[in-house]
Amino acid sequence: ILSQKIKEKWNIKLFSTYASTEMSTAF
């Protein structure tokens, strides 16, 4: 829903990223 609401107004690409301090690594 959050992504849909953004894109309904503003047609930009949205990229997910997931990380944490403990990992010092991002997905």
PDB file of all heavy atoms in Angstrom:
ATOM      1  N   ILE A   1       0.833  -1.222   0.000  1.00  0.00           N
ATOM      2  CA  ILE A   1       0.000   0.000   0.000  1.00  0.00           C
ATOM      3  C   ILE A   1       0.858   1.259   0.000  1.00  0.00           C
ATOM      4  O   ILE A   1       0.591   2.216  -0.740  1.00  0.00           O
ATOM      5  CB  ILE A   1      -0.953   0.009   1.217  1.00  0.00           C
ATOM      6  CG1 ILE A   1      -1.931  -1.167   1.155  1.00  0.00           C
ATOM      7  CG2 ILE A   1      -1.717   1.323   1.288  1.00  0.00           C
ATOM      8  CD1 ILE A   1      -2.884  -1.136  -0.007  1.00  0.00           C
ATOM      9  N   LEU A   2       1.909   1.276   0.830  1.00  0.00           N
ATOM     10  CA  LEU A   2       2.769   2.460   0.914  1.00  0.00           C
ATOM     11  C   LEU A   2       3.402   2.761  -0.446  1.00  0.00           C
ATOM     12  O   LEU A   2       3.377   3.906  -0.918  1.00  0.00           O
ATOM     13  CB  LEU A   2       3.849   2.232   1.976  1.00  0.00           C
ATOM     14  CG  LEU A   2       4.921   3.316   2.127  1.00  0.00           C
ATOM     15  CD1 LEU A   2       4.288   4.671   2.428  1.00  0.00           C
ATOM     16  CD2 LEU A   2       5.929   2.927   3.205  1.00  0.00           C
ATOM     17  N   SER A   3       3.934   1.730  -1.079  1.00  0.00           N
ATOM     18  CA  SER A   3       4.569   1.902  -2.391  1.00  0.00           C
ATOM     19  C   SER A   3       3.560   2.356  -3.440  1.00  0.00           C
ATOM     20  O   SER A   3       3.844   3.244  -4.256  1.00  0.00           O
ATOM     21  CB  SER A   3       5.203   0.571  -2.807  1.00  0.00           C
ATOM     22  OG  SER A   3       5.948   0.720  -3.977  1.00  0.00           O
ATOM     23  N   GLN A   4       2.368   1.772  -3.411  1.00  0.00           N
ATOM     24  CA  GLN A   4       1.310   2.156  -4.362  1.00  0.00           C
ATOM     25  C   GLN A   4       0.955   3.632  -4.219  1.00  0.00           C
ATOM     26  O   GLN A   4       0.790   4.349  -5.213  1.00  0.00           O
ATOM     27  CB  GLN A   4       0.073   1.295  -4.148  1.00  0.00           C
ATOM     28  CG  GLN A   4       0.204  -0.143  -4.613  1.00  0.00           C
ATOM     29  CD  GLN A   4      -1.005  -0.976  -4.215  1.00  0.00           C
ATOM     30  OE1 GLN A   4      -2.126  -0.470  -4.147  1.00  0.00           O
ATOM     31  NE2 GLN A   4      -0.782  -2.250  -3.922  1.00  0.00           N
ATOM     32  N   LYS A   5       0.842   4.077  -2.957  1.00  0.00           N
ATOM     33  CA  LYS A   5       0.443   5.472  -2.717  1.00  0.00           C
ATOM     34  C   LYS A   5       1.498   6.449  -3.242  1.00  0.00           C
ATOM     35  O   LYS A   5       1.173   7.513  -3.760  1.00  0.00           O
ATOM     36  CB  LYS A   5       0.198   5.701  -1.228  1.00  0.00           C
ATOM     37  CG  LYS A   5      -1.078   5.032  -0.728  1.00  0.00           C
ATOM     38  CD  LYS A   5      -1.260   5.186   0.755  1.00  0.00           C
ATOM     39  CE  LYS A   5      -1.841   6.522   1.123  1.00  0.00           C
ATOM     40  NZ  LYS A   5      -2.260   6.571   2.543  1.00  0.00           N
ATOM     41  N   ILE A   6       2.759   6.078  -3.099  1.00  0.00           N
ATOM     42  CA  ILE A   6       3.835   6.936  -3.622  1.00  0.00           C
ATOM     43  C   ILE A   6       3.764   6.970  -5.149  1.00  0.00           C
ATOM     44  O   ILE A   6       3.769   8.036  -5.774  1.00  0.00           O
ATOM     45  CB  ILE A   6       5.215   6.423  -3.158  1.00  0.00           C
ATOM     46  CG1 ILE A   6       5.346   6.554  -1.642  1.00  0.00           C
ATOM     47  CG2 ILE A   6       6.339   7.191  -3.868  1.00  0.00           C
ATOM     48  CD1 ILE A   6       6.509   5.779  -1.052  1.00  0.00           C
ATOM     49  N   LYS A   7       3.676   5.795  -5.782  1.00  0.00           N
ATOM     50  CA  LYS A   7       3.743   5.708  -7.242  1.00  0.00           C
ATOM     51  C   LYS A   7       2.497   6.273  -7.928  1.00  0.00           C
ATOM     52  O   LYS A   7       2.568   6.715  -9.079  1.00  0.00           O
ATOM     53  CB  LYS A   7       3.960   4.256  -7.666  1.00  0.00           C
ATOM     54  CG  LYS A   7       5.368   3.748  -7.355  1.00  0.00           C
ATOM     55  CD  LYS A   7       5.553   2.324  -7.849  1.00  0.00           C
ATOM     56  CE  LYS A   7       6.961   1.833  -7.621  1.00  0.00           C
ATOM     57  NZ  LYS A   7       7.140   0.444  -8.087  1.00  0.00           N
ATOM     58  N   GLU A   8       1.353   6.249  -7.239  1.00  0.00           N
ATOM     59  CA  GLU A   8       0.147   6.867  -7.801  1.00  0.00           C
ATOM     60  C   GLU A   8       0.365   8.362  -8.038  1.00  0.00           C
ATOM     61  O   GLU A   8      -0.175   8.955  -8.971  1.00  0.00           O
ATOM     62  CB  GLU A   8      -1.042   6.671  -6.848  1.00  0.00           C
ATOM     63  CG  GLU A   8      -1.681   5.290  -6.934  1.00  0.00           C
ATOM     64  CD  GLU A   8      -2.633   5.039  -5.775  1.00  0.00           C
ATOM     65  OE1 GLU A   8      -2.931   6.005  -5.023  1.00  0.00           O
ATOM     66  OE2 GLU A   8      -3.056   3.880  -5.601  1.00  0.00           O
ATOM     67  N   LYS A   9       1.181   8.960  -7.175  1.00  0.00           N
ATOM     68  CA  LYS A   9       1.436  10.403  -7.264  1.00  0.00           C
ATOM     69  C   LYS A   9       2.709  10.726  -8.050  1.00  0.00           C
ATOM     70  O   LYS A   9       2.783  11.714  -8.774  1.00  0.00           O
ATOM     71  CB  LYS A   9       1.583  10.973  -5.843  1.00  0.00           C
ATOM     72  CG  LYS A   9       0.332  10.871  -4.986  1.00  0.00           C
ATOM     73  CD  LYS A   9      -0.600  12.028  -5.253  1.00  0.00           C
ATOM     74  CE  LYS A   9      -1.710  12.108  -4.222  1.00  0.00           C
ATOM     75  NZ  LYS A   9      -2.548  13.288  -4.450  1.00  0.00           N
ATOM     76  N   TRP A  10       3.727   9.877  -7.857  1.00  0.00           N
ATOM     77  CA  TRP A  10       5.057  10.199  -8.381  1.00  0.00           C
ATOM     78  C   TRP A  10       5.646   8.934  -8.980  1.00  0.00           C
ATOM     79  O   TRP A  10       6.011   7.998  -8.256  1.00  0.00           O
ATOM     80  CB  TRP A  10       5.932  10.711  -7.238  1.00  0.00           C
ATOM     81  CG  TRP A  10       7.176  11.431  -7.659  1.00  0.00           C
ATOM     82  CD1 TRP A  10       7.515  11.836  -8.905  1.00  0.00           C
ATOM     83  CD2 TRP A  10       8.253  11.826  -6.789  1.00  0.00           C
ATOM     84  NE1 TRP A  10       8.732  12.471  -8.893  1.00  0.00           N
ATOM     85  CE2 TRP A  10       9.207  12.486  -7.606  1.00  0.00           C
ATOM     86  CE3 TRP A  10       8.491  11.720  -5.431  1.00  0.00           C
ATOM     87  CZ2 TRP A  10      10.384  13.005  -7.089  1.00  0.00           C
ATOM     88  CZ3 TRP A  10       9.667  12.233  -4.906  1.00  0.00           C
ATOM     89  CH2 TRP A  10      10.599  12.879  -5.727  1.00  0.00           C
ATOM     90  N   ASN A  11       5.747   8.883 -10.279  1.00  0.00           N
ATOM     91  CA  ASN A  11       6.151   7.659 -10.972  1.00  0.00           C
ATOM     92  C   ASN A  11       7.680   7.526 -11.002  1.00  0.00           C
ATOM     93  O   ASN A  11       8.329   7.744 -12.024  1.00  0.00           O
ATOM     94  CB  ASN A  11       5.587   7.648 -12.395  1.00  0.00           C
ATOM     95  CG  ASN A  11       5.846   6.329 -13.099  1.00  0.00           C
ATOM     96  OD1 ASN A  11       5.979   5.296 -12.445  1.00  0.00           O
ATOM     97  ND2 ASN A  11       5.932   6.361 -14.412  1.00  0.00           N
ATOM     98  N   ILE A  12       8.242   7.180  -9.833  1.00  0.00           N
ATOM     99  CA  ILE A  12       9.682   6.943  -9.754  1.00  0.00           C
ATOM    100  C   ILE A  12       9.916   5.489  -9.366  1.00  0.00           C
ATOM    101  O   ILE A  12       9.023   4.819  -8.849  1.00  0.00           O
ATOM    102  CB  ILE A  12      10.375   7.885  -8.746  1.00  0.00           C
ATOM    103  CG1 ILE A  12       9.787   7.716  -7.329  1.00  0.00           C
ATOM    104  CG2 ILE A  12      10.300   9.326  -9.207  1.00  0.00           C
ATOM    105  CD1 ILE A  12      10.537   8.488  -6.258  1.00  0.00           C
ATOM    106  N   LYS A  13      11.127   4.999  -9.606  1.00  0.00           N
ATOM    107  CA  LYS A  13      11.496   3.638  -9.229  1.00  0.00           C
ATOM    108  C   LYS A  13      11.772   3.599  -7.725  1.00  0.00           C
ATOM    109  O   LYS A  13      12.447   4.496  -7.194  1.00  0.00           O
ATOM    110  CB  LYS A  13      12.759   3.198  -9.975  1.00  0.00           C
ATOM    111  CG  LYS A  13      12.598   3.123 -11.479  1.00  0.00           C
ATOM    112  CD  LYS A  13      11.940   1.827 -11.882  1.00  0.00           C
ATOM    113  CE  LYS A  13      11.959   1.647 -13.396  1.00  0.00           C
ATOM    114  NZ  LYS A  13      11.260   0.430 -13.816  1.00  0.00           N
ATOM    115  N   LEU A  14      11.273   2.568  -7.063  1.00  0.00           N
ATOM    116  CA  LEU A  14      11.527   2.392  -5.637  1.00  0.00           C
ATOM    117  C   LEU A  14      12.268   1.074  -5.435  1.00  0.00           C
ATOM    118  O   LEU A  14      11.803   0.021  -5.866  1.00  0.00           O
ATOM    119  CB  LEU A  14      10.210   2.372  -4.843  1.00  0.00           C
ATOM    120  CG  LEU A  14       9.316   3.616  -4.965  1.00  0.00           C
ATOM    121  CD1 LEU A  14       8.041   3.418  -4.159  1.00  0.00           C
ATOM    122  CD2 LEU A  14      10.057   4.868  -4.501  1.00  0.00           C
ATOM    123  N   PHE A  15      13.435   1.146  -4.789  1.00  0.00           N
ATOM    124  CA  PHE A  15      14.259  -0.040  -4.568  1.00  0.00           C
ATOM    125  C   PHE A  15      14.298  -0.362  -3.071  1.00  0.00           C
ATOM    126  O   PHE A  15      14.610   0.497  -2.249  1.00  0.00           O
ATOM    127  CB  PHE A  15      15.693   0.187  -5.053  1.00  0.00           C
ATOM    128  CG  PHE A  15      15.787   0.413  -6.535  1.00  0.00           C
ATOM    129  CD1 PHE A  15      15.699   1.704  -7.063  1.00  0.00           C
ATOM    130  CD2 PHE A  15      15.958  -0.649  -7.414  1.00  0.00           C
ATOM    131  CE1 PHE A  15      15.787   1.923  -8.428  1.00  0.00           C
ATOM    132  CE2 PHE A  15      16.042  -0.433  -8.783  1.00  0.00           C
ATOM    133  CZ  PHE A  15      15.955   0.850  -9.288  1.00  0.00           C
ATOM    134  N   SER A  16      14.001  -1.615  -2.734  1.00  0.00           N
ATOM    135  CA  SER A  16      14.093  -2.053  -1.339  1.00  0.00           C
ATOM    136  C   SER A  16      15.544  -2.326  -0.973  1.00  0.00           C
ATOM    137  O   SER A  16      16.324  -2.816  -1.792  1.00  0.00           O
ATOM    138  CB  SER A  16      13.307  -3.352  -1.129  1.00  0.00           C
ATOM    139  OG  SER A  16      11.939  -3.146  -1.250  1.00  0.00           O
ATOM    140  N   THR A  17      15.886  -2.050   0.261  1.00  0.00           N
ATOM    141  CA  THR A  17      17.171  -2.479   0.801  1.00  0.00           C
ATOM    142  C   THR A  17      16.967  -2.878   2.248  1.00  0.00           C
ATOM    143  O   THR A  17      16.118  -2.310   2.946  1.00  0.00           O
ATOM    144  CB  THR A  17      18.246  -1.385   0.665  1.00  0.00           C
ATOM    145  OG1 THR A  17      19.517  -1.922   1.043  1.00  0.00           O
ATOM    146  CG2 THR A  17      17.950  -0.169   1.519  1.00  0.00           C
ATOM    147  N   TYR A  18      17.709  -3.883   2.692  1.00  0.00           N
ATOM    148  CA  TYR A  18      17.585  -4.384   4.059  1.00  0.00           C
ATOM    149  C   TYR A  18      18.993  -4.554   4.619  1.00  0.00           C
ATOM    150  O   TYR A  18      19.869  -5.122   3.960  1.00  0.00           O
ATOM    151  CB  TYR A  18      16.851  -5.726   4.050  1.00  0.00           C
ATOM    152  CG  TYR A  18      17.035  -6.542   5.322  1.00  0.00           C
ATOM    153  CD1 TYR A  18      16.330  -6.223   6.480  1.00  0.00           C
ATOM    154  CD2 TYR A  18      17.914  -7.613   5.360  1.00  0.00           C
ATOM    155  CE1 TYR A  18      16.514  -6.961   7.647  1.00  0.00           C
ATOM    156  CE2 TYR A  18      18.093  -8.353   6.520  1.00  0.00           C
ATOM    157  CZ  TYR A  18      17.393  -8.019   7.652  1.00  0.00           C
ATOM    158  OH  TYR A  18      17.582  -8.735   8.816  1.00  0.00           O
ATOM    159  N   ALA A  19      19.213  -4.057   5.830  1.00  0.00           N
ATOM    160  CA  ALA A  19      20.537  -4.160   6.451  1.00  0.00           C
ATOM    161  C   ALA A  19      20.381  -3.971   7.952  1.00  0.00           C
ATOM    162  O   ALA A  19      19.299  -3.636   8.445  1.00  0.00           O
ATOM    163  CB  ALA A  19      21.476  -3.103   5.873  1.00  0.00           C
ATOM    164  N   SER A  20      21.479  -4.181   8.679  1.00  0.00           N
ATOM    165  CA  SER A  20      21.485  -3.866  10.109  1.00  0.00           C
ATOM    166  C   SER A  20      22.920  -3.578  10.523  1.00  0.00           C
ATOM    167  O   SER A  20      23.876  -3.988   9.844  1.00  0.00           O
ATOM    168  CB  SER A  20      20.928  -5.022  10.940  1.00  0.00           C
ATOM    169  OG  SER A  20      21.826  -6.122  10.951  1.00  0.00           O
ATOM    170  N   THR A  21      23.068  -2.872  11.642  1.00  0.00           N
ATOM    171  CA  THR A  21      24.398  -2.552  12.157  1.00  0.00           C
ATOM    172  C   THR A  21      25.196  -3.824  12.407  1.00  0.00           C
ATOM    173  O   THR A  21      26.386  -3.905  12.088  1.00  0.00           O
ATOM    174  CB  THR A  21      24.268  -1.741  13.465  1.00  0.00           C
ATOM    175  OG1 THR A  21      23.589  -0.516  13.178  1.00  0.00           O
ATOM    176  CG2 THR A  21      25.622  -1.438  14.079  1.00  0.00           C
ATOM    177  N   GLU A  22      24.528  -4.839  12.981  1.00  0.00           N
ATOM    178  CA  GLU A  22      25.225  -6.078  13.323  1.00  0.00           C
ATOM    179  C   GLU A  22      25.815  -6.761  12.087  1.00  0.00           C
ATOM    180  O   GLU A  22      26.896  -7.342  12.139  1.00  0.00           O
ATOM    181  CB  GLU A  22      24.266  -7.060  14.022  1.00  0.00           C
ATOM    182  CG  GLU A  22      23.777  -6.590  15.375  1.00  0.00           C
ATOM    183  CD  GLU A  22      22.485  -5.778  15.283  1.00  0.00           C
ATOM    184  OE1 GLU A  22      22.095  -5.380  14.171  1.00  0.00           O
ATOM    185  OE2 GLU A  22      21.865  -5.543  16.333  1.00  0.00           O
ATOM    186  N   MET A  23      25.102  -6.688  10.967  1.00  0.00           N
ATOM    187  CA  MET A  23      25.548  -7.371   9.745  1.00  0.00           C
ATOM    188  C   MET A  23      26.618  -6.587   8.999  1.00  0.00           C
ATOM    189  O   MET A  23      27.431  -7.168   8.284  1.00  0.00           O
ATOM    190  CB  MET A  23      24.370  -7.591   8.783  1.00  0.00           C
ATOM    191  CG  MET A  23      23.282  -8.471   9.326  1.00  0.00           C
ATOM    192  SD  MET A  23      22.118  -8.985   8.046  1.00  0.00           S
ATOM    193  CE  MET A  23      21.479  -7.439   7.434  1.00  0.00           C
ATOM    194  N   SER A  24      26.584  -5.258   9.111  1.00  0.00           N
ATOM    195  CA  SER A  24      27.446  -4.391   8.280  1.00  0.00           C
ATOM    196  C   SER A  24      27.363  -4.806   6.819  1.00  0.00           C
ATOM    197  O   SER A  24      28.355  -4.754   6.072  1.00  0.00           O
ATOM    198  CB  SER A  24      28.904  -4.457   8.752  1.00  0.00           C
ATOM    199  OG  SER A  24      29.041  -3.875  10.012  1.00  0.00           O
ATOM    200  N   THR A  25      26.194  -5.250   6.403  1.00  0.00           N
ATOM    201  CA  THR A  25      25.981  -5.784   5.060  1.00  0.00           C
ATOM    202  C   THR A  25      24.557  -5.459   4.637  1.00  0.00           C
ATOM    203  O   THR A  25      23.653  -5.491   5.471  1.00  0.00           O
ATOM    204  CB  THR A  25      26.176  -7.319   5.045  1.00  0.00           C
ATOM    205  OG1 THR A  25      27.426  -7.643   5.653  1.00  0.00           O
ATOM    206  CG2 THR A  25      26.146  -7.881   3.643  1.00  0.00           C
ATOM    207  N   ALA A  26      24.368  -5.168   3.364  1.00  0.00           N
ATOM    208  CA  ALA A  26      23.027  -4.822   2.869  1.00  0.00           C
ATOM    209  C   ALA A  26      22.572  -5.837   1.815  1.00  0.00           C
ATOM    210  O   ALA A  26      23.390  -6.408   1.095  1.00  0.00           O
ATOM    211  CB  ALA A  26      23.037  -3.426   2.265  1.00  0.00           C
ATOM    212  N   PHE A  27      21.265  -6.031   1.752  1.00  0.00           N
ATOM    213  CA  PHE A  27      20.623  -6.835   0.711  1.00  0.00           C
ATOM    214  C   PHE A  27      19.743  -5.866  -0.076  1.00  0.00           C
ATOM    215  O   PHE A  27      18.703  -5.428   0.417  1.00  0.00           O
ATOM    216  CB  PHE A  27      19.762  -7.943   1.327  1.00  0.00           C
ATOM    217  CG  PHE A  27      20.543  -8.985   2.082  1.00  0.00           C
ATOM    218  CD1 PHE A  27      21.051  -8.728   3.344  1.00  0.00           C
ATOM    219  CD2 PHE A  27      20.769 -10.238   1.523  1.00  0.00           C
ATOM    220  CE1 PHE A  27      21.764  -9.688   4.039  1.00  0.00           C
ATOM    221  CE2 PHE A  27      21.478 -11.210   2.210  1.00  0.00           C
ATOM    222  CZ  PHE A  27      21.980 -10.936   3.471  1.00  0.00           C
TER     223      PHE A  27
END
